[in-house]
Protein backbone atom coordinates (compact mmCIF):
# COMPACT_ATOMS: atom_id res chain seq x y z
CA UNK A 1 -0.08 0.00 0.12
CA UNK A 2 1.31 3.34 -1.18
CA UNK A 3 1.76 6.09 1.65
CA UNK A 4 -0.46 8.50 -0.22
CA UNK A 5 -3.41 5.84 0.07
CA UNK A 6 -2.85 6.04 3.83
CA UNK A 7 -2.67 9.82 3.95
CA UNK A 8 -5.61 10.04 1.66
CA UNK A 9 -7.94 7.87 3.76
CA UNK A 10 -6.80 9.99 6.83
CA UNK A 11 -7.60 13.30 5.02
CA UNK A 12 -11.02 11.90 4.07
CA UNK A 13 -11.85 10.74 7.57
CA UNK A 14 -10.71 14.22 9.04
CA UNK A 15 -12.97 15.99 6.30
CA UNK A 16 -15.76 13.81 7.03
CA UNK A 17 -15.60 14.78 10.71
CA UNK A 18 -15.33 18.42 9.90
CA UNK A 19 -18.27 18.34 7.68
CA UNK A 20 -20.42 16.68 10.24
CA UNK A 21 -19.37 18.80 12.94
CA UNK A 22 -20.25 21.84 10.59
CA UNK A 23 -23.55 20.45 10.02
CA UNK A 24 -23.99 19.72 13.65
CA UNK A 25 -22.90 23.33 14.75
CA UNK A 26 -24.67 25.00 11.76
CA UNK A 27 -21.42 26.22 10.65
CA UNK A 28 -21.42 26.25 6.80
CA UNK A 29 -17.64 27.27 6.56
CA UNK A 30 -16.57 24.19 8.55
CA UNK A 31 -18.98 22.03 6.71
CA UNK A 32 -17.51 23.33 3.39
CA UNK A 33 -13.82 22.89 4.66
CA UNK A 34 -14.68 19.31 5.59
CA UNK A 35 -16.12 18.57 2.04
CA UNK A 36 -13.02 19.96 0.38
CA UNK A 37 -10.81 18.17 2.62
CA UNK A 38 -12.72 14.94 2.03
CA UNK A 39 -12.54 15.31 -1.73
CA UNK A 40 -8.76 16.23 -1.55
CA UNK A 41 -8.33 12.80 0.44
CA UNK A 42 -10.21 11.03 -2.15
CA UNK A 43 -7.89 12.30 -4.95
CA UNK A 44 -4.65 11.42 -2.82
CA UNK A 45 -6.02 7.93 -2.14
CA UNK A 46 -6.79 7.40 -5.80
CA UNK A 47 -3.31 8.63 -6.67
CA UNK A 48 -1.69 6.33 -4.22
CA UNK A 49 -3.55 3.32 -5.65
CA UNK A 50 -2.53 4.37 -9.19
CA UNK A 51 1.15 4.44 -8.04
CA UNK A 52 0.64 1.07 -6.53
CA UNK A 53 -0.91 -0.53 -9.61
CA UNK A 54 1.90 1.14 -11.74
CA UNK A 55 4.55 -0.41 -9.55
CA UNK A 56 2.84 -3.85 -9.92
CA UNK A 57 2.65 -3.49 -13.73
CA UNK A 58 6.36 -2.66 -13.93
CA UNK A 59 7.23 -5.67 -11.50
CA UNK A 60 5.08 -8.01 -13.73
CA UNK A 61 6.71 -6.72 -16.95
CA UNK A 62 10.15 -7.11 -15.44
CA UNK A 63 9.32 -10.73 -14.25
CA UNK A 64 7.90 -11.66 -17.76
CA UNK A 65 10.89 -9.98 -19.40
CA UNK A 66 13.16 -11.99 -17.40
CA UNK A 67 11.25 -15.19 -18.08
CA UNK A 68 11.17 -14.50 -21.92
CA UNK A 69 14.99 -13.91 -21.87
CA UNK A 70 15.54 -17.14 -19.96
CA UNK A 71 13.40 -18.86 -22.41
CA UNK A 72 15.28 -17.42 -25.28
CA UNK A 73 18.65 -18.41 -23.86
CA UNK A 74 17.53 -21.96 -23.24
CA UNK A 75 16.29 -22.26 -26.98
CA UNK A 76 19.60 -20.80 -28.26
CA UNK A 77 21.54 -23.39 -26.16
CA UNK A 78 19.31 -26.08 -27.34
CA UNK A 79 19.74 -25.00 -30.97
CA UNK A 80 23.39 -24.89 -30.56
CA UNK A 81 23.39 -28.38 -29.03
CA UNK A 82 21.23 -29.72 -31.84
CA UNK A 83 23.51 -28.18 -34.49
CA UNK A 84 26.56 -29.72 -32.89
CA UNK A 85 25.14 -33.14 -32.59
CA UNK A 86 24.31 -33.17 -36.18
């Protein structure tokens, strides 16, 4: 989990609390501040998830490239062995 995912969720929670406190105290400024902070938290959380997903894709691509390179090397060795045996 990326740190922005965690920070974003914390910001969402803080925003939610401010929003509800603003509603209960009839303070539209605090309510709006909470709504904005909650939205910022959602964006930050989504950014963290996107970074996490990108890292996973890169890791998978590296693994696949390594597997393909290994298979190609094995095939080259097999072809050389077959050629030398003939």
